[in-house]
Amino acid sequence: MKQYLIRIFSYGFLVWLIPFIVAIPFYSRDGKLQTDLFLFKTVMLLVGNFTGCVLLASLALKISGKKFSILLSTGFIWLTILGIGFLNFTSNV
């Protein structure tokens, strides 16, 4: 598990970063959504799922031996990264 931690965290950061970058053109400079809300949600859902699936499959191919426990831990780590990002952008500080 230790040998995969850097890759897990870097892929987790990419799972957060890629949808964030894709979302930027949908907003104006003053923070207003420029498109239909449902179009935005659909695009974000597709981009997020595709990014997560591709990176998780890529990680699974690089793991030798027991994969289930490492991939389960990866899911919890990525969920924590996404949760921290969500809390960061929804706080009213």
PDB file of N, CA and C in Angstrom:
ATOM      1  N   MET A   1       0.823  -1.194   0.000  1.00  0.00           N
ATOM      2  CA  MET A   1       0.000   0.000   0.000  1.00  0.00           C
ATOM      3  C   MET A   1       0.865   1.256   0.000  1.00  0.00           C
ATOM      4  N   LYS A   2       1.936   1.232   0.785  1.00  0.00           N
ATOM      5  CA  LYS A   2       2.780   2.420   0.891  1.00  0.00           C
ATOM      6  C   LYS A   2       3.396   2.817  -0.448  1.00  0.00           C
ATOM      7  N   GLN A   3       3.718   1.834  -1.258  1.00  0.00           N
ATOM      8  CA  GLN A   3       4.368   2.132  -2.532  1.00  0.00           C
ATOM      9  C   GLN A   3       3.417   2.786  -3.523  1.00  0.00           C
ATOM     10  N   TYR A   4       2.118   2.698  -3.273  1.00  0.00           N
ATOM     11  CA  TYR A   4       1.137   3.277  -4.187  1.00  0.00           C
ATOM     12  C   TYR A   4       0.554   4.596  -3.680  1.00  0.00           C
ATOM     13  N   LEU A   5       0.919   5.036  -2.481  1.00  0.00           N
ATOM     14  CA  LEU A   5       0.288   6.212  -1.884  1.00  0.00           C
ATOM     15  C   LEU A   5       0.483   7.487  -2.697  1.00  0.00           C
ATOM     16  N   ILE A   6       1.666   7.726  -3.209  1.00  0.00           N
ATOM     17  CA  ILE A   6       1.905   8.942  -3.996  1.00  0.00           C
ATOM     18  C   ILE A   6       1.036   8.931  -5.240  1.00  0.00           C
ATOM     19  N   ARG A   7       0.948   7.797  -5.898  1.00  0.00           N
ATOM     20  CA  ARG A   7       0.110   7.684  -7.096  1.00  0.00           C
ATOM     21  C   ARG A   7      -1.371   7.855  -6.742  1.00  0.00           C
ATOM     22  N   ILE A   8      -1.799   7.276  -5.624  1.00  0.00           N
ATOM     23  CA  ILE A   8      -3.199   7.393  -5.208  1.00  0.00           C
ATOM     24  C   ILE A   8      -3.553   8.849  -4.936  1.00  0.00           C
ATOM     25  N   PHE A   9      -2.701   9.558  -4.204  1.00  0.00           N
ATOM     26  CA  PHE A   9      -2.990  10.960  -3.896  1.00  0.00           C
ATOM     27  C   PHE A   9      -2.894  11.847  -5.131  1.00  0.00           C
ATOM     28  N   SER A  10      -1.942  11.584  -6.008  1.00  0.00           N
ATOM     29  CA  SER A  10      -1.843  12.409  -7.218  1.00  0.00           C
ATOM     30  C   SER A  10      -3.025  12.154  -8.150  1.00  0.00           C
ATOM     31  N   TYR A  11      -3.457  10.912  -8.280  1.00  0.00           N
ATOM     32  CA  TYR A  11      -4.650  10.618  -9.082  1.00  0.00           C
ATOM     33  C   TYR A  11      -5.893  11.218  -8.425  1.00  0.00           C
ATOM     34  N   GLY A  12      -5.953  11.176  -7.108  1.00  0.00           N
ATOM     35  CA  GLY A  12      -7.076  11.789  -6.396  1.00  0.00           C
ATOM     36  C   GLY A  12      -7.142  13.283  -6.629  1.00  0.00           C
ATOM     37  N   PHE A  13      -5.992  13.926  -6.655  1.00  0.00           N
ATOM     38  CA  PHE A  13      -5.954  15.356  -6.962  1.00  0.00           C
ATOM     39  C   PHE A  13      -6.448  15.604  -8.383  1.00  0.00           C
ATOM     40  N   LEU A  14      -6.070  14.742  -9.316  1.00  0.00           N
ATOM     41  CA  LEU A  14      -6.541  14.886 -10.700  1.00  0.00           C
ATOM     42  C   LEU A  14      -8.044  14.650 -10.817  1.00  0.00           C
ATOM     43  N   VAL A  15      -8.584  13.738 -10.007  1.00  0.00           N
ATOM     44  CA  VAL A  15     -10.030  13.502 -10.008  1.00  0.00           C
ATOM     45  C   VAL A  15     -10.768  14.765  -9.584  1.00  0.00           C
ATOM     46  N   TRP A  16     -10.171  15.564  -8.731  1.00  0.00           N
ATOM     47  CA  TRP A  16     -10.758  16.841  -8.332  1.00  0.00           C
ATOM     48  C   TRP A  16     -10.449  17.932  -9.359  1.00  0.00           C
ATOM     49  N   LEU A  17      -9.224  17.977  -9.845  1.00  0.00           N
ATOM     50  CA  LEU A  17      -8.768  19.085 -10.684  1.00  0.00           C
ATOM     51  C   LEU A  17      -9.389  19.094 -12.077  1.00  0.00           C
ATOM     52  N   ILE A  18      -9.494  17.963 -12.723  1.00  0.00           N
ATOM     53  CA  ILE A  18      -9.985  17.923 -14.108  1.00  0.00           C
ATOM     54  C   ILE A  18     -11.426  18.427 -14.213  1.00  0.00           C
ATOM     55  N   PRO A  19     -12.377  17.963 -13.386  1.00  0.00           N
ATOM     56  CA  PRO A  19     -13.719  18.553 -13.467  1.00  0.00           C
ATOM     57  C   PRO A  19     -13.741  20.039 -13.094  1.00  0.00           C
ATOM     58  N   PHE A  20     -12.866  20.446 -12.177  1.00  0.00           N
ATOM     59  CA  PHE A  20     -12.792  21.860 -11.809  1.00  0.00           C
ATOM     60  C   PHE A  20     -12.381  22.705 -13.012  1.00  0.00           C
ATOM     61  N   ILE A  21     -11.388  22.254 -13.752  1.00  0.00           N
ATOM     62  CA  ILE A  21     -10.931  22.993 -14.936  1.00  0.00           C
ATOM     63  C   ILE A  21     -12.010  22.998 -16.016  1.00  0.00           C
ATOM     64  N   VAL A  22     -12.706  21.876 -16.179  1.00  0.00           N
ATOM     65  CA  VAL A  22     -13.781  21.813 -17.175  1.00  0.00           C
ATOM     66  C   VAL A  22     -14.925  22.757 -16.795  1.00  0.00           C
ATOM     67  N   ALA A  23     -15.159  22.974 -15.508  1.00  0.00           N
ATOM     68  CA  ALA A  23     -16.261  23.828 -15.057  1.00  0.00           C
ATOM     69  C   ALA A  23     -15.983  25.314 -15.249  1.00  0.00           C
ATOM     70  N   ILE A  24     -14.740  25.721 -15.346  1.00  0.00           N
ATOM     71  CA  ILE A  24     -14.398  27.147 -15.418  1.00  0.00           C
ATOM     72  C   ILE A  24     -15.071  27.862 -16.584  1.00  0.00           C
ATOM     73  N   PRO A  25     -15.086  27.321 -17.807  1.00  0.00           N
ATOM     74  CA  PRO A  25     -15.728  28.056 -18.915  1.00  0.00           C
ATOM     75  C   PRO A  25     -17.245  28.220 -18.769  1.00  0.00           C
ATOM     76  N   PHE A  26     -17.861  27.468 -17.893  1.00  0.00           N
ATOM     77  CA  PHE A  26     -19.308  27.567 -17.712  1.00  0.00           C
ATOM     78  C   PHE A  26     -19.709  28.767 -16.853  1.00  0.00           C
ATOM     79  N   TYR A  27     -18.754  29.418 -16.228  1.00  0.00           N
ATOM     80  CA  TYR A  27     -19.042  30.532 -15.331  1.00  0.00           C
ATOM     81  C   TYR A  27     -18.481  31.835 -15.880  1.00  0.00           C
ATOM     82  N   SER A  28     -19.186  32.935 -15.573  1.00  0.00           N
ATOM     83  CA  SER A  28     -18.691  34.259 -15.952  1.00  0.00           C
ATOM     84  C   SER A  28     -17.694  34.724 -14.892  1.00  0.00           C
ATOM     85  N   ARG A  29     -17.094  35.862 -15.132  1.00  0.00           N
ATOM     86  CA  ARG A  29     -16.094  36.380 -14.181  1.00  0.00           C
ATOM     87  C   ARG A  29     -16.705  36.737 -12.826  1.00  0.00           C
ATOM     88  N   ASP A  30     -17.989  37.083 -12.804  1.00  0.00           N
ATOM     89  CA  ASP A  30     -18.624  37.425 -11.530  1.00  0.00           C
ATOM     90  C   ASP A  30     -19.255  36.212 -10.838  1.00  0.00           C
ATOM     91  N   GLY A  31     -19.002  35.009 -11.349  1.00  0.00           N
ATOM     92  CA  GLY A  31     -19.423  33.783 -10.688  1.00  0.00           C
ATOM     93  C   GLY A  31     -20.811  33.296 -11.034  1.00  0.00           C
ATOM     94  N   LYS A  32     -21.406  33.823 -12.077  1.00  0.00           N
ATOM     95  CA  LYS A  32     -22.745  33.398 -12.500  1.00  0.00           C
ATOM     96  C   LYS A  32     -22.631  32.280 -13.535  1.00  0.00           C
ATOM     97  N   LEU A  33     -23.495  31.295 -13.416  1.00  0.00           N
ATOM     98  CA  LEU A  33     -23.524  30.197 -14.373  1.00  0.00           C
ATOM     99  C   LEU A  33     -24.066  30.710 -15.697  1.00  0.00           C
ATOM    100  N   GLN A  34     -23.339  30.467 -16.788  1.00  0.00           N
ATOM    101  CA  GLN A  34     -23.707  31.005 -18.096  1.00  0.00           C
ATOM    102  C   GLN A  34     -24.585  30.067 -18.914  1.00  0.00           C
ATOM    103  N   THR A  35     -24.718  28.829 -18.512  1.00  0.00           N
ATOM    104  CA  THR A  35     -25.504  27.858 -19.277  1.00  0.00           C
ATOM    105  C   THR A  35     -26.650  27.340 -18.416  1.00  0.00           C
ATOM    106  N   ASP A  36     -27.424  26.458 -19.005  1.00  0.00           N
ATOM    107  CA  ASP A  36     -28.505  25.802 -18.287  1.00  0.00           C
ATOM    108  C   ASP A  36     -27.924  24.961 -17.149  1.00  0.00           C
ATOM    109  N   LEU A  37     -28.574  24.990 -16.008  1.00  0.00           N
ATOM    110  CA  LEU A  37     -28.091  24.267 -14.838  1.00  0.00           C
ATOM    111  C   LEU A  37     -28.005  22.763 -15.098  1.00  0.00           C
ATOM    112  N   PHE A  38     -28.997  22.216 -15.791  1.00  0.00           N
ATOM    113  CA  PHE A  38     -29.004  20.771 -16.036  1.00  0.00           C
ATOM    114  C   PHE A  38     -27.934  20.355 -17.042  1.00  0.00           C
ATOM    115  N   LEU A  39     -27.623  21.219 -17.995  1.00  0.00           N
ATOM    116  CA  LEU A  39     -26.509  20.943 -18.905  1.00  0.00           C
ATOM    117  C   LEU A  39     -25.203  20.904 -18.122  1.00  0.00           C
ATOM    118  N   PHE A  40     -25.019  21.866 -17.248  1.00  0.00           N
ATOM    119  CA  PHE A  40     -23.806  21.924 -16.433  1.00  0.00           C
ATOM    120  C   PHE A  40     -23.679  20.682 -15.558  1.00  0.00           C
ATOM    121  N   LYS A  41     -24.766  20.308 -14.891  1.00  0.00           N
ATOM    122  CA  LYS A  41     -24.719  19.130 -14.021  1.00  0.00           C
ATOM    123  C   LYS A  41     -24.434  17.859 -14.816  1.00  0.00           C
ATOM    124  N   THR A  42     -25.016  17.758 -15.998  1.00  0.00           N
ATOM    125  CA  THR A  42     -24.788  16.583 -16.836  1.00  0.00           C
ATOM    126  C   THR A  42     -23.331  16.496 -17.277  1.00  0.00           C
ATOM    127  N   VAL A  43     -22.785  17.614 -17.724  1.00  0.00           N
ATOM    128  CA  VAL A  43     -21.382  17.632 -18.156  1.00  0.00           C
ATOM    129  C   VAL A  43     -20.464  17.298 -16.987  1.00  0.00           C
ATOM    130  N   MET A  44     -20.716  17.862 -15.818  1.00  0.00           N
ATOM    131  CA  MET A  44     -19.871  17.593 -14.658  1.00  0.00           C
ATOM    132  C   MET A  44     -19.974  16.130 -14.227  1.00  0.00           C
ATOM    133  N   LEU A  45     -21.167  15.577 -14.290  1.00  0.00           N
ATOM    134  CA  LEU A  45     -21.342  14.169 -13.943  1.00  0.00           C
ATOM    135  C   LEU A  45     -20.564  13.270 -14.893  1.00  0.00           C
ATOM    136  N   LEU A  46     -20.662  13.546 -16.178  1.00  0.00           N
ATOM    137  CA  LEU A  46     -19.953  12.735 -17.168  1.00  0.00           C
ATOM    138  C   LEU A  46     -18.440  12.888 -17.052  1.00  0.00           C
ATOM    139  N   VAL A  47     -17.967  14.114 -16.908  1.00  0.00           N
ATOM    140  CA  VAL A  47     -16.521  14.358 -16.800  1.00  0.00           C
ATOM    141  C   VAL A  47     -15.968  13.737 -15.522  1.00  0.00           C
ATOM    142  N   GLY A  48     -16.662  13.917 -14.410  1.00  0.00           N
ATOM    143  CA  GLY A  48     -16.196  13.353 -13.143  1.00  0.00           C
ATOM    144  C   GLY A  48     -16.151  11.836 -13.158  1.00  0.00           C
ATOM    145  N   ASN A  49     -17.203  11.225 -13.680  1.00  0.00           N
ATOM    146  CA  ASN A  49     -17.228   9.758 -13.750  1.00  0.00           C
ATOM    147  C   ASN A  49     -16.175   9.216 -14.704  1.00  0.00           C
ATOM    148  N   PHE A  50     -16.047   9.830 -15.859  1.00  0.00           N
ATOM    149  CA  PHE A  50     -15.049   9.372 -16.822  1.00  0.00           C
ATOM    150  C   PHE A  50     -13.637   9.508 -16.252  1.00  0.00           C
ATOM    151  N   THR A  51     -13.355  10.641 -15.630  1.00  0.00           N
ATOM    152  CA  THR A  51     -12.034  10.860 -15.035  1.00  0.00           C
ATOM    153  C   THR A  51     -11.748   9.827 -13.953  1.00  0.00           C
ATOM    154  N   GLY A  52     -12.698   9.626 -13.053  1.00  0.00           N
ATOM    155  CA  GLY A  52     -12.511   8.656 -11.979  1.00  0.00           C
ATOM    156  C   GLY A  52     -12.329   7.242 -12.492  1.00  0.00           C
ATOM    157  N   CYS A  53     -13.128   6.854 -13.477  1.00  0.00           N
ATOM    158  CA  CYS A  53     -13.030   5.494 -14.027  1.00  0.00           C
ATOM    159  C   CYS A  53     -11.696   5.258 -14.723  1.00  0.00           C
ATOM    160  N   VAL A  54     -11.279   6.222 -15.525  1.00  0.00           N
ATOM    161  CA  VAL A  54     -10.011   6.066 -16.250  1.00  0.00           C
ATOM    162  C   VAL A  54      -8.839   5.993 -15.275  1.00  0.00           C
ATOM    163  N   LEU A  55      -8.823   6.879 -14.285  1.00  0.00           N
ATOM    164  CA  LEU A  55      -7.701   6.884 -13.344  1.00  0.00           C
ATOM    165  C   LEU A  55      -7.725   5.658 -12.430  1.00  0.00           C
ATOM    166  N   LEU A  56      -8.909   5.209 -12.029  1.00  0.00           N
ATOM    167  CA  LEU A  56      -8.983   4.009 -11.197  1.00  0.00           C
ATOM    168  C   LEU A  56      -8.568   2.768 -11.978  1.00  0.00           C
ATOM    169  N   ALA A  57      -8.976   2.679 -13.234  1.00  0.00           N
ATOM    170  CA  ALA A  57      -8.555   1.551 -14.074  1.00  0.00           C
ATOM    171  C   ALA A  57      -7.051   1.584 -14.303  1.00  0.00           C
ATOM    172  N   SER A  58      -6.510   2.772 -14.509  1.00  0.00           N
ATOM    173  CA  SER A  58      -5.069   2.914 -14.692  1.00  0.00           C
ATOM    174  C   SER A  58      -4.319   2.480 -13.434  1.00  0.00           C
ATOM    175  N   LEU A  59      -4.845   2.865 -12.279  1.00  0.00           N
ATOM    176  CA  LEU A  59      -4.223   2.472 -11.020  1.00  0.00           C
ATOM    177  C   LEU A  59      -4.326   0.963 -10.811  1.00  0.00           C
ATOM    178  N   ALA A  60      -5.470   0.379 -11.137  1.00  0.00           N
ATOM    179  CA  ALA A  60      -5.666  -1.062 -10.943  1.00  0.00           C
ATOM    180  C   ALA A  60      -4.701  -1.878 -11.795  1.00  0.00           C
ATOM    181  N   LEU A  61      -4.376  -1.382 -12.978  1.00  0.00           N
ATOM    182  CA  LEU A  61      -3.430  -2.101 -13.834  1.00  0.00           C
ATOM    183  C   LEU A  61      -2.009  -2.064 -13.283  1.00  0.00           C
ATOM    184  N   LYS A  62      -1.690  -1.050 -12.501  1.00  0.00           N
ATOM    185  CA  LYS A  62      -0.334  -0.904 -11.971  1.00  0.00           C
ATOM    186  C   LYS A  62      -0.136  -1.622 -10.638  1.00  0.00           C
ATOM    187  N   ILE A  63      -1.216  -2.087 -10.023  1.00  0.00           N
ATOM    188  CA  ILE A  63      -1.134  -2.754  -8.728  1.00  0.00           C
ATOM    189  C   ILE A  63      -0.914  -4.248  -8.946  1.00  0.00           C
ATOM    190  N   SER A  64       0.055  -4.783  -8.225  1.00  0.00           N
ATOM    191  CA  SER A  64       0.281  -6.229  -8.280  1.00  0.00           C
ATOM    192  C   SER A  64      -0.128  -6.828  -6.935  1.00  0.00           C
ATOM    193  N   GLY A  65      -0.582  -8.048  -6.957  1.00  0.00           N
ATOM    194  CA  GLY A  65      -0.990  -8.704  -5.720  1.00  0.00           C
ATOM    195  C   GLY A  65      -2.437  -8.408  -5.376  1.00  0.00           C
ATOM    196  N   LYS A  66      -2.703  -8.252  -4.074  1.00  0.00           N
ATOM    197  CA  LYS A  66      -4.062  -7.982  -3.610  1.00  0.00           C
ATOM    198  C   LYS A  66      -4.494  -6.592  -4.054  1.00  0.00           C
ATOM    199  N   LYS A  67      -5.564  -6.527  -4.806  1.00  0.00           N
ATOM    200  CA  LYS A  67      -6.024  -5.246  -5.335  1.00  0.00           C
ATOM    201  C   LYS A  67      -7.208  -4.682  -4.569  1.00  0.00           C
ATOM    202  N   PHE A  68      -8.058  -5.550  -4.026  1.00  0.00           N
ATOM    203  CA  PHE A  68      -9.314  -5.074  -3.450  1.00  0.00           C
ATOM    204  C   PHE A  68      -9.093  -4.088  -2.316  1.00  0.00           C
ATOM    205  N   SER A  69      -8.236  -4.412  -1.365  1.00  0.00           N
ATOM    206  CA  SER A  69      -8.041  -3.530  -0.212  1.00  0.00           C
ATOM    207  C   SER A  69      -7.410  -2.201  -0.628  1.00  0.00           C
ATOM    208  N   ILE A  70      -6.502  -2.237  -1.585  1.00  0.00           N
ATOM    209  CA  ILE A  70      -5.863  -1.003  -2.054  1.00  0.00           C
ATOM    210  C   ILE A  70      -6.870  -0.136  -2.795  1.00  0.00           C
ATOM    211  N   LEU A  71      -7.691  -0.738  -3.646  1.00  0.00           N
ATOM    212  CA  LEU A  71      -8.677   0.042  -4.395  1.00  0.00           C
ATOM    213  C   LEU A  71      -9.793   0.553  -3.492  1.00  0.00           C
ATOM    214  N   LEU A  72     -10.154  -0.204  -2.465  1.00  0.00           N
ATOM    215  CA  LEU A  72     -11.145   0.276  -1.503  1.00  0.00           C
ATOM    216  C   LEU A  72     -10.597   1.471  -0.732  1.00  0.00           C
ATOM    217  N   SER A  73      -9.352   1.385  -0.298  1.00  0.00           N
ATOM    218  CA  SER A  73      -8.708   2.517   0.374  1.00  0.00           C
ATOM    219  C   SER A  73      -8.604   3.714  -0.558  1.00  0.00           C
ATOM    220  N   THR A  74      -8.322   3.457  -1.822  1.00  0.00           N
ATOM    221  CA  THR A  74      -8.252   4.526  -2.817  1.00  0.00           C
ATOM    222  C   THR A  74      -9.585   5.253  -2.914  1.00  0.00           C
ATOM    223  N   GLY A  75     -10.673   4.512  -2.923  1.00  0.00           N
ATOM    224  CA  GLY A  75     -11.999   5.125  -2.979  1.00  0.00           C
ATOM    225  C   GLY A  75     -12.253   6.039  -1.799  1.00  0.00           C
ATOM    226  N   PHE A  76     -11.886   5.612  -0.601  1.00  0.00           N
ATOM    227  CA  PHE A  76     -12.082   6.449   0.578  1.00  0.00           C
ATOM    228  C   PHE A  76     -11.176   7.679   0.555  1.00  0.00           C
ATOM    229  N   ILE A  77      -9.945   7.519   0.100  1.00  0.00           N
ATOM    230  CA  ILE A  77      -9.029   8.657   0.010  1.00  0.00           C
ATOM    231  C   ILE A  77      -9.549   9.672  -0.997  1.00  0.00           C
ATOM    232  N   TRP A  78      -9.992   9.211  -2.164  1.00  0.00           N
ATOM    233  CA  TRP A  78     -10.513  10.126  -3.188  1.00  0.00           C
ATOM    234  C   TRP A  78     -11.790  10.808  -2.714  1.00  0.00           C
ATOM    235  N   LEU A  79     -12.641  10.075  -2.004  1.00  0.00           N
ATOM    236  CA  LEU A  79     -13.863  10.671  -1.468  1.00  0.00           C
ATOM    237  C   LEU A  79     -13.524  11.762  -0.461  1.00  0.00           C
ATOM    238  N   THR A  80     -12.500  11.547   0.348  1.00  0.00           N
ATOM    239  CA  THR A  80     -12.051  12.561   1.298  1.00  0.00           C
ATOM    240  C   THR A  80     -11.517  13.789   0.573  1.00  0.00           C
ATOM    241  N   ILE A  81     -10.734  13.588  -0.481  1.00  0.00           N
ATOM    242  CA  ILE A  81     -10.205  14.710  -1.261  1.00  0.00           C
ATOM    243  C   ILE A  81     -11.345  15.518  -1.867  1.00  0.00           C
ATOM    244  N   LEU A  82     -12.331  14.842  -2.453  1.00  0.00           N
ATOM    245  CA  LEU A  82     -13.478  15.542  -3.034  1.00  0.00           C
ATOM    246  C   LEU A  82     -14.299  16.242  -1.958  1.00  0.00           C
ATOM    247  N   GLY A  83     -14.435  15.627  -0.787  1.00  0.00           N
ATOM    248  CA  GLY A  83     -15.168  16.252   0.314  1.00  0.00           C
ATOM    249  C   GLY A  83     -14.488  17.508   0.812  1.00  0.00           C
ATOM    250  N   ILE A  84     -13.169  17.483   0.914  1.00  0.00           N
ATOM    251  CA  ILE A  84     -12.428  18.680   1.326  1.00  0.00           C
ATOM    252  C   ILE A  84     -12.599  19.783   0.292  1.00  0.00           C
ATOM    253  N   GLY A  85     -12.545  19.430  -0.988  1.00  0.00           N
ATOM    254  CA  GLY A  85     -12.772  20.418  -2.043  1.00  0.00           C
ATOM    255  C   GLY A  85     -14.168  20.994  -1.978  1.00  0.00           C
ATOM    256  N   PHE A  86     -15.164  20.147  -1.701  1.00  0.00           N
ATOM    257  CA  PHE A  86     -16.543  20.621  -1.580  1.00  0.00           C
ATOM    258  C   PHE A  86     -16.685  21.574  -0.408  1.00  0.00           C
ATOM    259  N   LEU A  87     -16.128  21.212   0.744  1.00  0.00           N
ATOM    260  CA  LEU A  87     -16.213  22.083   1.914  1.00  0.00           C
ATOM    261  C   LEU A  87     -15.484  23.401   1.688  1.00  0.00           C
ATOM    262  N   ASN A  88     -14.396  23.344   0.957  1.00  0.00           N
ATOM    263  CA  ASN A  88     -13.616  24.542   0.679  1.00  0.00           C
ATOM    264  C   ASN A  88     -14.416  25.546  -0.144  1.00  0.00           C
ATOM    265  N   PHE A  89     -15.174  25.075  -1.114  1.00  0.00           N
ATOM    266  CA  PHE A  89     -15.888  25.977  -2.006  1.00  0.00           C
ATOM    267  C   PHE A  89     -17.282  26.333  -1.522  1.00  0.00           C
ATOM    268  N   THR A  90     -17.797  25.658  -0.509  1.00  0.00           N
ATOM    269  CA  THR A  90     -19.126  25.986  -0.008  1.00  0.00           C
ATOM    270  C   THR A  90     -19.090  26.735   1.306  1.00  0.00           C
ATOM    271  N   SER A  91     -17.924  26.941   1.875  1.00  0.00           N
ATOM    272  CA  SER A  91     -17.842  27.657   3.148  1.00  0.00           C
ATOM    273  C   SER A  91     -18.069  29.149   2.921  1.00  0.00           C
ATOM    274  N   ASN A  92     -18.647  29.790   3.904  1.00  0.00           N
ATOM    275  CA  ASN A  92     -18.936  31.225   3.820  1.00  0.00           C
ATOM    276  C   ASN A  92     -17.940  32.034   4.634  1.00  0.00           C
ATOM    277  N   VAL A  93     -16.704  31.662   4.599  1.00  0.00           N
ATOM    278  CA  VAL A  93     -15.666  32.353   5.375  1.00  0.00           C
ATOM    279  C   VAL A  93     -15.195  33.572   4.635  1.00  0.00           C
TER     280      VAL A  93
END
